[in-house]
C-alpha atoms as a PDB file:
ATOM      1  CA  MET A   1      60.070 -35.056  -5.623  1.00  0.00           C
ATOM      2  CA  PHE A   2      56.719 -35.507  -3.895  1.00  0.00           C
ATOM      3  CA  GLN A   3      55.286 -38.983  -3.738  1.00  0.00           C
ATOM      4  CA  VAL A   4      51.598 -39.247  -4.450  1.00  0.00           C
ATOM      5  CA  ASP A   5      49.624 -41.303  -1.940  1.00  0.00           C
ATOM      6  CA  VAL A   6      47.445 -43.363  -4.284  1.00  0.00           C
ATOM      7  CA  ASP A   7      45.373 -44.866  -1.470  1.00  0.00           C
ATOM      8  CA  TYR A   8      44.647 -41.415  -0.035  1.00  0.00           C
ATOM      9  CA  LEU A   9      43.488 -40.147  -3.421  1.00  0.00           C
ATOM     10  CA  LYS A  10      41.201 -43.142  -3.850  1.00  0.00           C
ATOM     11  CA  LYS A  11      39.665 -42.591  -0.417  1.00  0.00           C
ATOM     12  CA  ALA A  12      39.178 -38.892  -1.119  1.00  0.00           C
ATOM     13  CA  LYS A  13      37.465 -39.713  -4.414  1.00  0.00           C
ATOM     14  CA  LYS A  14      35.143 -42.175  -2.686  1.00  0.00           C
ATOM     15  CA  ARG A  15      34.250 -39.584  -0.038  1.00  0.00           C
ATOM     16  CA  LYS A  16      33.504 -37.048  -2.785  1.00  0.00           C
ATOM     17  CA  ASP A  17      31.308 -39.528  -4.656  1.00  0.00           C
ATOM     18  CA  TYR A  18      29.464 -40.413  -1.440  1.00  0.00           C
ATOM     19  CA  ALA A  19      28.818 -36.738  -0.651  1.00  0.00           C
ATOM     20  CA  GLY A  20      27.574 -36.133  -4.168  1.00  0.00           C
ATOM     21  CA  ARG A  21      25.125 -39.014  -3.906  1.00  0.00           C
ATOM     22  CA  VAL A  22      23.799 -37.757  -0.572  1.00  0.00           C
ATOM     23  CA  ILE A  23      23.265 -34.286  -2.031  1.00  0.00           C
ATOM     24  CA  LEU A  24      21.550 -35.776  -5.089  1.00  0.00           C
ATOM     25  CA  VAL A  25      19.189 -37.831  -2.915  1.00  0.00           C
ATOM     26  CA  PHE A  26      18.424 -34.796  -0.741  1.00  0.00           C
ATOM     27  CA  LEU A  27      17.669 -32.602  -3.770  1.00  0.00           C
ATOM     28  CA  THR A  28      15.492 -35.313  -5.315  1.00  0.00           C
ATOM     29  CA  ILE A  29      13.432 -35.602  -2.141  1.00  0.00           C
ATOM     30  CA  GLY A  30      13.137 -31.818  -1.954  1.00  0.00           C
ATOM     31  CA  GLY A  31      12.004 -31.642  -5.584  1.00  0.00           C
ATOM     32  CA  LEU A  32       9.333 -34.283  -4.972  1.00  0.00           C
ATOM     33  CA  VAL A  33       8.066 -32.373  -1.927  1.00  0.00           C
ATOM     34  CA  PHE A  34       7.741 -29.166  -3.945  1.00  0.00           C
ATOM     35  CA  LEU A  35       5.942 -31.145  -6.662  1.00  0.00           C
ATOM     36  CA  LEU A  36       3.241 -32.386  -4.276  1.00  0.00           C
ATOM     37  CA  PRO A  37       0.984 -29.258  -4.496  1.00  0.00           C
ATOM     38  CA  LEU A  38       0.847 -29.591  -8.285  1.00  0.00           C
ATOM     39  CA  VAL A  39       0.011 -33.302  -8.024  1.00  0.00           C
ATOM     40  CA  TYR A  40      -2.717 -32.519  -5.488  1.00  0.00           C
ATOM     41  CA  LEU A  41      -4.128 -29.839  -7.785  1.00  0.00           C
ATOM     42  CA  VAL A  42      -4.332 -32.284 -10.688  1.00  0.00           C
ATOM     43  CA  CYS A  43      -5.917 -34.954  -8.493  1.00  0.00           C
ATOM     44  CA  THR A  44      -8.507 -32.486  -7.160  1.00  0.00           C
ATOM     45  CA  ALA A  45      -9.544 -31.543 -10.683  1.00  0.00           C
ATOM     46  CA  PHE A  46     -10.340 -35.202 -11.468  1.00  0.00           C
ATOM     47  CA  LYS A  47     -11.986 -36.167  -8.152  1.00  0.00           C
ATOM     48  CA  PRO A  48     -15.697 -37.049  -8.158  1.00  0.00           C
ATOM     49  CA  PRO A  49     -17.891 -35.315  -5.521  1.00  0.00           C
ATOM     50  CA  GLU A  50     -17.858 -38.289  -3.158  1.00  0.00           C
ATOM     51  CA  GLU A  51     -14.054 -38.128  -2.941  1.00  0.00           C
ATOM     52  CA  LEU A  52     -13.883 -34.346  -2.555  1.00  0.00           C
ATOM     53  CA  PHE A  53     -15.675 -34.438   0.798  1.00  0.00           C
ATOM     54  CA  LEU A  54     -14.201 -37.581   2.325  1.00  0.00           C
ATOM     55  CA  TYR A  55     -12.927 -37.376   5.895  1.00  0.00           C
ATOM     56  CA  PRO A  56     -10.073 -37.833   6.377  1.00  0.00           C
ATOM     57  CA  PRO A  57      -9.372 -36.376   2.911  1.00  0.00           C
ATOM     58  CA  ARG A  58      -7.439 -38.395   0.350  1.00  0.00           C
ATOM     59  CA  PHE A  59      -4.429 -36.994  -1.435  1.00  0.00           C
ATOM     60  CA  PHE A  60      -4.702 -39.061  -4.626  1.00  0.00           C
ATOM     61  CA  VAL A  61      -7.820 -39.693  -6.663  1.00  0.00           C
ATOM     62  CA  SER A  62      -9.191 -43.230  -6.701  1.00  0.00           C
ATOM     63  CA  ASN A  63     -11.851 -42.953  -9.410  1.00  0.00           C
ATOM     64  CA  PRO A  64     -10.867 -40.131 -11.785  1.00  0.00           C
ATOM     65  CA  THR A  65     -13.660 -38.472 -13.736  1.00  0.00           C
ATOM     66  CA  PHE A  66     -14.143 -35.706 -16.301  1.00  0.00           C
ATOM     67  CA  ASP A  67     -17.434 -34.548 -14.768  1.00  0.00           C
ATOM     68  CA  ASN A  68     -15.774 -31.462 -13.281  1.00  0.00           C
ATOM     69  CA  PHE A  69     -14.643 -30.383 -16.741  1.00  0.00           C
ATOM     70  CA  LYS A  70     -18.179 -30.957 -18.087  1.00  0.00           C
ATOM     71  CA  GLN A  71     -19.621 -28.820 -15.268  1.00  0.00           C
ATOM     72  CA  LEU A  72     -17.139 -26.069 -16.085  1.00  0.00           C
ATOM     73  CA  THR A  73     -18.325 -26.171 -19.704  1.00  0.00           C
ATOM     74  CA  MET A  74     -21.940 -25.855 -18.521  1.00  0.00           C
ATOM     75  CA  VAL A  75     -21.101 -22.911 -16.267  1.00  0.00           C
ATOM     76  CA  THR A  76     -19.285 -21.066 -19.048  1.00  0.00           C
ATOM     77  CA  ALA A  77     -22.105 -21.793 -21.496  1.00  0.00           C
ATOM     78  CA  ASN A  78     -24.634 -20.174 -19.147  1.00  0.00           C
ATOM     79  CA  SER A  79     -22.549 -17.051 -18.443  1.00  0.00           C
ATOM     80  CA  LEU A  80     -23.628 -13.638 -19.721  1.00  0.00           C
ATOM     81  CA  VAL A  81     -20.325 -13.197 -21.578  1.00  0.00           C
ATOM     82  CA  PRO A  82     -18.886 -16.101 -23.619  1.00  0.00           C
ATOM     83  CA  PHE A  83     -15.916 -17.945 -22.188  1.00  0.00           C
ATOM     84  CA  THR A  84     -13.950 -17.132 -25.342  1.00  0.00           C
ATOM     85  CA  ARG A  85     -14.317 -13.411 -24.577  1.00  0.00           C
ATOM     86  CA  TYR A  86     -12.633 -13.804 -21.187  1.00  0.00           C
ATOM     87  CA  LEU A  87      -9.907 -15.903 -22.785  1.00  0.00           C
ATOM     88  CA  PHE A  88      -9.409 -13.357 -25.577  1.00  0.00           C
ATOM     89  CA  ASN A  89      -9.114 -10.498 -23.051  1.00  0.00           C
ATOM     90  CA  THR A  90      -6.559 -12.404 -20.989  1.00  0.00           C
ATOM     91  CA  VAL A  91      -4.394 -13.408 -23.951  1.00  0.00           C
ATOM     92  CA  LEU A  92      -4.511  -9.905 -25.432  1.00  0.00           C
ATOM     93  CA  ILE A  93      -3.633  -8.210 -22.136  1.00  0.00           C
ATOM     94  CA  THR A  94      -0.882 -10.722 -21.314  1.00  0.00           C
ATOM     95  CA  VAL A  95       0.833 -10.429 -24.710  1.00  0.00           C
ATOM     96  CA  ALA A  96       0.567  -6.620 -24.827  1.00  0.00           C
ATOM     97  CA  TYR A  97       1.758  -6.197 -21.240  1.00  0.00           C
ATOM     98  CA  ILE A  98       4.765  -8.495 -21.534  1.00  0.00           C
ATOM     99  CA  PHE A  99       5.811  -6.999 -24.885  1.00  0.00           C
ATOM    100  CA  CYS A 100       5.619  -3.417 -23.571  1.00  0.00           C
ATOM    101  CA  LEU A 101       7.325  -4.316 -20.290  1.00  0.00           C
ATOM    102  CA  VAL A 102      10.275  -6.030 -21.960  1.00  0.00           C
ATOM    103  CA  TRP A 103      10.613  -3.248 -24.526  1.00  0.00           C
ATOM    104  CA  ILE A 104      10.556  -0.432 -21.964  1.00  0.00           C
ATOM    105  CA  THR A 105      12.830  -2.092 -19.398  1.00  0.00           C
ATOM    106  CA  THR A 106      15.454  -3.044 -21.993  1.00  0.00           C
ATOM    107  CA  MET A 107      15.458   0.516 -23.321  1.00  0.00           C
ATOM    108  CA  ALA A 108      15.851   1.830 -19.759  1.00  0.00           C
ATOM    109  CA  CYS A 109      18.581  -0.571 -18.645  1.00  0.00           C
ATOM    110  CA  TYR A 110      20.807   0.121 -21.648  1.00  0.00           C
ATOM    111  CA  PRO A 111      21.581   3.798 -20.795  1.00  0.00           C
ATOM    112  CA  LEU A 112      21.626   3.062 -17.054  1.00  0.00           C
ATOM    113  CA  SER A 113      24.326   0.459 -17.608  1.00  0.00           C
ATOM    114  CA  LYS A 114      26.375   1.723 -20.570  1.00  0.00           C
ATOM    115  CA  HIS A 115      26.041   5.522 -20.554  1.00  0.00           C
ATOM    116  CA  LYS A 116      27.103   8.314 -18.252  1.00  0.00           C
ATOM    117  CA  PHE A 117      24.693  11.181 -17.612  1.00  0.00           C
ATOM    118  CA  PRO A 118      23.850  13.506 -14.710  1.00  0.00           C
ATOM    119  CA  GLY A 119      21.713  11.881 -12.042  1.00  0.00           C
ATOM    120  CA  LYS A 120      22.402   8.331 -13.190  1.00  0.00           C
ATOM    121  CA  ASN A 121      23.393   7.016  -9.754  1.00  0.00           C
ATOM    122  CA  GLY A 122      20.512   8.792  -8.043  1.00  0.00           C
ATOM    123  CA  LEU A 123      18.042   7.383 -10.556  1.00  0.00           C
ATOM    124  CA  PHE A 124      19.274   3.832 -10.023  1.00  0.00           C
ATOM    125  CA  LYS A 125      19.129   4.301  -6.242  1.00  0.00           C
ATOM    126  CA  LEU A 126      15.519   5.372  -6.682  1.00  0.00           C
ATOM    127  CA  VAL A 127      14.842   2.136  -8.576  1.00  0.00           C
ATOM    128  CA  THR A 128      16.455   0.009  -5.866  1.00  0.00           C
ATOM    129  CA  THR A 129      14.528   1.901  -3.183  1.00  0.00           C
ATOM    130  CA  ALA A 130      11.274   1.100  -4.981  1.00  0.00           C
ATOM    131  CA  LEU A 131      12.063  -2.610  -4.542  1.00  0.00           C
ATOM    132  CA  MET A 132      11.337  -2.272  -0.816  1.00  0.00           C
ATOM    133  CA  PHE A 133       7.702  -1.237  -1.301  1.00  0.00           C
ATOM    134  CA  VAL A 134       4.897  -3.716  -1.892  1.00  0.00           C
ATOM    135  CA  SER A 135       2.254  -2.952  -4.494  1.00  0.00           C
ATOM    136  CA  ALA A 136      -0.470  -2.653  -1.828  1.00  0.00           C
ATOM    137  CA  ALA A 137       1.289   0.392  -0.359  1.00  0.00           C
ATOM    138  CA  ALA A 138       0.642   2.278  -3.609  1.00  0.00           C
ATOM    139  CA  GLY A 139      -2.996   1.256  -3.864  1.00  0.00           C
ATOM    140  CA  ILE A 140      -4.598   4.627  -3.065  1.00  0.00           C
ATOM    141  CA  PRO A 141      -2.189   6.786  -5.148  1.00  0.00           C
ATOM    142  CA  LEU A 142      -2.557   4.319  -8.006  1.00  0.00           C
ATOM    143  CA  TYR A 143      -6.347   4.558  -7.850  1.00  0.00           C
ATOM    144  CA  LEU A 144      -6.217   8.369  -7.904  1.00  0.00           C
ATOM    145  CA  ILE A 145      -3.829   8.393 -10.879  1.00  0.00           C
ATOM    146  CA  ILE A 146      -5.886   5.871 -12.864  1.00  0.00           C
ATOM    147  CA  THR A 147      -9.140   7.727 -12.326  1.00  0.00           C
ATOM    148  CA  SER A 148      -7.475  11.065 -13.128  1.00  0.00           C
ATOM    149  CA  LEU A 149      -6.181   9.692 -16.422  1.00  0.00           C
ATOM    150  CA  HIS A 150      -9.613   8.161 -17.163  1.00  0.00           C
ATOM    151  CA  ILE A 151      -8.128   4.838 -18.163  1.00  0.00           C
ATOM    152  CA  ASP A 152     -10.382   2.846 -15.850  1.00  0.00           C
ATOM    153  CA  ASN A 153     -12.794   0.519 -17.625  1.00  0.00           C
ATOM    154  CA  THR A 154     -10.324   0.150 -20.514  1.00  0.00           C
ATOM    155  CA  TYR A 155      -7.632  -2.341 -21.478  1.00  0.00           C
ATOM    156  CA  LEU A 156      -4.982   0.237 -20.590  1.00  0.00           C
ATOM    157  CA  VAL A 157      -5.682  -0.105 -16.879  1.00  0.00           C
ATOM    158  CA  TYR A 158      -4.311  -3.650 -17.048  1.00  0.00           C
ATOM    159  CA  ILE A 159      -1.132  -2.623 -18.879  1.00  0.00           C
ATOM    160  CA  LEU A 160       0.090   0.876 -18.010  1.00  0.00           C
ATOM    161  CA  PRO A 161       0.358   0.710 -14.175  1.00  0.00           C
ATOM    162  CA  GLY A 162       2.537  -2.403 -14.247  1.00  0.00           C
ATOM    163  CA  LEU A 163       5.072  -1.150 -16.792  1.00  0.00           C
ATOM    164  CA  ALA A 164       7.040   0.698 -14.093  1.00  0.00           C
ATOM    165  CA  SER A 165       8.489  -2.516 -12.682  1.00  0.00           C
ATOM    166  CA  PRO A 166      11.598  -1.896 -10.541  1.00  0.00           C
ATOM    167  CA  THR A 167      12.193  -5.637 -10.167  1.00  0.00           C
ATOM    168  CA  VAL A 168      12.445  -6.288 -13.903  1.00  0.00           C
ATOM    169  CA  LEU A 169      14.453  -3.110 -14.513  1.00  0.00           C
ATOM    170  CA  PHE A 170      16.926  -4.036 -11.762  1.00  0.00           C
ATOM    171  CA  LEU A 171      17.265  -7.540 -13.216  1.00  0.00           C
ATOM    172  CA  MET A 172      17.892  -6.208 -16.732  1.00  0.00           C
ATOM    173  CA  LYS A 173      20.389  -3.599 -15.561  1.00  0.00           C
ATOM    174  CA  GLN A 174      22.396  -6.062 -13.495  1.00  0.00           C
ATOM    175  CA  PHE A 175      22.530  -8.465 -16.412  1.00  0.00           C
ATOM    176  CA  MET A 176      23.601  -5.711 -18.804  1.00  0.00           C
ATOM    177  CA  ASP A 177      26.422  -4.743 -16.437  1.00  0.00           C
ATOM    178  CA  GLN A 178      28.044  -8.116 -17.169  1.00  0.00           C
ATOM    179  CA  VAL A 179      28.362  -7.288 -20.883  1.00  0.00           C
ATOM    180  CA  PRO A 180      31.846  -5.831 -21.663  1.00  0.00           C
ATOM    181  CA  ASN A 181      31.842  -2.162 -22.651  1.00  0.00           C
ATOM    182  CA  GLU A 182      34.350  -2.952 -25.403  1.00  0.00           C
ATOM    183  CA  ILE A 183      31.578  -4.569 -27.476  1.00  0.00           C
ATOM    184  CA  PHE A 184      29.646  -1.298 -27.680  1.00  0.00           C
ATOM    185  CA  GLU A 185      32.811   0.750 -28.182  1.00  0.00           C
ATOM    186  CA  ALA A 186      33.710  -1.457 -31.158  1.00  0.00           C
ATOM    187  CA  GLY A 187      30.256  -0.871 -32.574  1.00  0.00           C
ATOM    188  CA  LYS A 188      30.659   2.896 -32.230  1.00  0.00           C
ATOM    189  CA  ILE A 189      34.010   2.738 -34.034  1.00  0.00           C
ATOM    190  CA  ASP A 190      32.291   0.907 -36.901  1.00  0.00           C
ATOM    191  CA  GLY A 191      29.814   3.777 -37.136  1.00  0.00           C
ATOM    192  CA  ALA A 192      26.803   2.159 -35.485  1.00  0.00           C
ATOM    193  CA  SER A 193      24.157   4.512 -34.130  1.00  0.00           C
ATOM    194  CA  GLU A 194      22.739   4.239 -30.611  1.00  0.00           C
ATOM    195  CA  TRP A 195      19.578   2.649 -31.963  1.00  0.00           C
ATOM    196  CA  LYS A 196      21.614   0.057 -33.837  1.00  0.00           C
ATOM    197  CA  LEU A 197      23.714  -0.648 -30.748  1.00  0.00           C
ATOM    198  CA  TYR A 198      20.511  -1.202 -28.787  1.00  0.00           C
ATOM    199  CA  THR A 199      18.683  -3.339 -31.338  1.00  0.00           C
ATOM    200  CA  GLU A 200      21.566  -5.411 -32.758  1.00  0.00           C
ATOM    201  CA  ILE A 201      23.861  -5.760 -29.729  1.00  0.00           C
ATOM    202  CA  ALA A 202      22.006  -5.064 -26.484  1.00  0.00           C
ATOM    203  CA  LEU A 203      18.725  -6.837 -27.261  1.00  0.00           C
ATOM    204  CA  PRO A 204      20.280 -10.141 -28.450  1.00  0.00           C
ATOM    205  CA  LEU A 205      22.530 -10.211 -25.384  1.00  0.00           C
ATOM    206  CA  LEU A 206      19.512  -9.678 -23.108  1.00  0.00           C
ATOM    207  CA  LYS A 207      17.568 -12.709 -24.363  1.00  0.00           C
ATOM    208  CA  ASN A 208      18.040 -14.674 -21.146  1.00  0.00           C
ATOM    209  CA  ALA A 209      17.032 -11.701 -19.022  1.00  0.00           C
ATOM    210  CA  GLN A 210      13.985 -11.155 -21.219  1.00  0.00           C
ATOM    211  CA  ALA A 211      12.938 -14.776 -20.749  1.00  0.00           C
ATOM    212  CA  THR A 212      13.268 -14.362 -16.997  1.00  0.00           C
ATOM    213  CA  ALA A 213      11.171 -11.202 -17.079  1.00  0.00           C
ATOM    214  CA  VAL A 214       8.467 -13.076 -18.993  1.00  0.00           C
ATOM    215  CA  ILE A 215       8.361 -15.824 -16.379  1.00  0.00           C
ATOM    216  CA  LEU A 216       8.347 -13.399 -13.443  1.00  0.00           C
ATOM    217  CA  THR A 217       5.457 -11.376 -14.840  1.00  0.00           C
ATOM    218  CA  PHE A 218       3.403 -13.946 -16.752  1.00  0.00           C
ATOM    219  CA  SER A 219       1.787 -15.584 -13.741  1.00  0.00           C
ATOM    220  CA  GLY A 220       0.682 -12.271 -12.221  1.00  0.00           C
ATOM    221  CA  ILE A 221      -0.921 -10.907 -15.371  1.00  0.00           C
ATOM    222  CA  TRP A 222      -2.416 -14.247 -16.466  1.00  0.00           C
ATOM    223  CA  ASN A 223      -4.156 -14.725 -13.095  1.00  0.00           C
ATOM    224  CA  GLU A 224      -5.192 -11.057 -12.865  1.00  0.00           C
ATOM    225  CA  SER A 225      -8.488 -10.551 -11.046  1.00  0.00           C
ATOM    226  CA  ALA A 226      -8.018  -7.560  -8.706  1.00  0.00           C
ATOM    227  CA  THR A 227      -7.893  -5.028 -11.540  1.00  0.00           C
ATOM    228  CA  SER A 228     -11.066  -6.457 -13.060  1.00  0.00           C
ATOM    229  CA  THR A 229     -12.795  -6.106  -9.698  1.00  0.00           C
ATOM    230  CA  THR A 230     -11.593  -2.587  -8.877  1.00  0.00           C
ATOM    231  CA  TYR A 231     -11.364  -0.713 -12.166  1.00  0.00           C
ATOM    232  CA  ILE A 232     -13.532  -2.588 -14.683  1.00  0.00           C
ATOM    233  CA  TYR A 233     -17.309  -2.153 -14.811  1.00  0.00           C
ATOM    234  CA  LYS A 234     -18.067  -3.777 -18.165  1.00  0.00           C
ATOM    235  CA  GLU A 235     -18.203  -7.547 -18.064  1.00  0.00           C
ATOM    236  CA  GLN A 236     -16.881  -7.702 -21.653  1.00  0.00           C
ATOM    237  CA  LEU A 237     -13.535  -6.239 -20.502  1.00  0.00           C
ATOM    238  CA  ARG A 238     -12.884  -8.576 -17.590  1.00  0.00           C
ATOM    239  CA  THR A 239     -10.302 -11.354 -17.615  1.00  0.00           C
ATOM    240  CA  LEU A 240     -10.290 -15.113 -17.321  1.00  0.00           C
ATOM    241  CA  GLY A 241      -8.804 -14.915 -13.813  1.00  0.00           C
ATOM    242  CA  PHE A 242     -11.768 -12.867 -12.593  1.00  0.00           C
ATOM    243  CA  PHE A 243     -14.256 -15.238 -14.209  1.00  0.00           C
ATOM    244  CA  MET A 244     -12.571 -18.317 -12.759  1.00  0.00           C
ATOM    245  CA  SER A 245     -12.613 -16.770  -9.276  1.00  0.00           C
ATOM    246  CA  THR A 246     -16.401 -16.387  -9.457  1.00  0.00           C
ATOM    247  CA  ILE A 247     -17.372 -19.931 -10.451  1.00  0.00           C
ATOM    248  CA  GLY A 248     -15.989 -21.784  -7.447  1.00  0.00           C
ATOM    249  CA  GLY A 249     -18.544 -20.588  -4.937  1.00  0.00           C
ATOM    250  CA  GLY A 250     -20.590 -23.107  -2.983  1.00  0.00           C
ATOM    251  CA  VAL A 251     -19.974 -26.659  -1.933  1.00  0.00           C
ATOM    252  CA  ALA A 252     -21.319 -28.151  -5.153  1.00  0.00           C
ATOM    253  CA  ARG A 253     -18.685 -26.436  -7.284  1.00  0.00           C
ATOM    254  CA  GLN A 254     -15.533 -27.471  -5.460  1.00  0.00           C
ATOM    255  CA  GLY A 255     -14.555 -29.775  -8.320  1.00  0.00           C
ATOM    256  CA  VAL A 256     -15.142 -26.985 -10.843  1.00  0.00           C
ATOM    257  CA  ALA A 257     -12.973 -24.703  -8.707  1.00  0.00           C
ATOM    258  CA  GLY A 258     -10.209 -27.322  -8.866  1.00  0.00           C
ATOM    259  CA  VAL A 259     -10.448 -27.415 -12.663  1.00  0.00           C
ATOM    260  CA  ALA A 260     -10.355 -23.612 -12.809  1.00  0.00           C
ATOM    261  CA  ALA A 261      -7.231 -23.522 -10.610  1.00  0.00           C
ATOM    262  CA  LEU A 262      -5.588 -26.120 -12.852  1.00  0.00           C
ATOM    263  CA  ILE A 263      -6.353 -24.103 -15.991  1.00  0.00           C
ATOM    264  CA  MET A 264      -4.946 -20.918 -14.462  1.00  0.00           C
ATOM    265  CA  THR A 265      -1.792 -22.624 -13.132  1.00  0.00           C
ATOM    266  CA  PHE A 266      -0.723 -24.850 -16.012  1.00  0.00           C
ATOM    267  CA  PRO A 267       0.362 -22.170 -18.548  1.00  0.00           C
ATOM    268  CA  SER A 268       2.802 -20.663 -16.024  1.00  0.00           C
ATOM    269  CA  ILE A 269       4.347 -24.071 -15.353  1.00  0.00           C
ATOM    270  CA  ILE A 270       4.746 -24.823 -19.064  1.00  0.00           C
ATOM    271  CA  ILE A 271       6.484 -21.497 -19.708  1.00  0.00           C
ATOM    272  CA  PHE A 272       8.820 -22.005 -16.758  1.00  0.00           C
ATOM    273  CA  VAL A 273       9.778 -25.513 -17.861  1.00  0.00           C
ATOM    274  CA  ILE A 274      10.557 -24.257 -21.371  1.00  0.00           C
ATOM    275  CA  GLN A 275      12.601 -21.236 -20.223  1.00  0.00           C
ATOM    276  CA  GLN A 276      14.147 -22.545 -16.983  1.00  0.00           C
ATOM    277  CA  SER A 277      17.701 -22.791 -18.356  1.00  0.00           C
ATOM    278  CA  ARG A 278      17.659 -19.122 -19.350  1.00  0.00           C
ATOM    279  CA  VAL A 279      16.282 -18.172 -15.935  1.00  0.00           C
ATOM    280  CA  MET A 280      19.113 -19.926 -14.140  1.00  0.00           C
ATOM    281  CA  ASP A 281      21.660 -18.227 -16.372  1.00  0.00           C
ATOM    282  CA  THR A 282      20.135 -14.823 -15.700  1.00  0.00           C
ATOM    283  CA  MET A 283      20.144 -15.310 -11.942  1.00  0.00           C
ATOM    284  CA  ALA A 284      23.772 -16.396 -12.049  1.00  0.00           C
ATOM    285  CA  HIS A 285      24.872 -13.308 -14.007  1.00  0.00           C
ATOM    286  CA  SER A 286      22.686 -10.649 -12.400  1.00  0.00           C
ATOM    287  CA  GLY A 287      23.936 -11.023  -8.829  1.00  0.00           C
ATOM    288  CA  ILE A 288      20.561 -12.271  -7.495  1.00  0.00           C
ATOM    289  CA  LYS A 289      20.936 -15.050  -4.991  1.00  0.00           C
END
């Protein structure tokens, strides 16, 4: 019979509790540090002109004001295209892009993960190889393809080029690999077609991965301005990100620029806060560290 050392167990428990508290304090401090840029952004949006140009600069705002928001309203009222048009373009492009991206990547990851066909391994290696290349490296070929297809100066130029996303496809495929094959085999025994297996089994199981894909892509498409500059010639087809990037010029509009940055940043933060639990679950199951 082994005798349990009660005092040793108590000391070990105290050491464990102490270590947990230290880790908690460290993580809390780290979280507050990462929160500082957002706090500074909010403070800048509410700073009056005399506080924006103080030296040394102040982090927090002393006399908050809504004048910057009023100036933004004046700028948008005097623009050639209504502010609502830019907002409509951005919402339309964002919704269409995310819907098509999630639909295409889920349809692609299902056969890559649960079916056997010639060239499957080579195709997935091609996807993983594409992860090493930055988007800027494909700038010239992308321009030639877009102009050849004559989709420049249309809404399609915002949507089609980004649908071939190796990052999202890799994430979806890795998540799908964690789903047991027996679930789909049972569905086949019950007489389910491939489309039914995809829509009623695969898609519900990929909800967390879909939420992660939305978060990873939302910020990029919502703040889109490069495409509007390069491929769009009609002002009526440009996005809110492009418009916001043009109103912050000059010293007098620094407060307006802060408001514009706040407007472009806040939707991404809200979506992440809502979906963060699903993101963590996806990262844990997809092998991404």
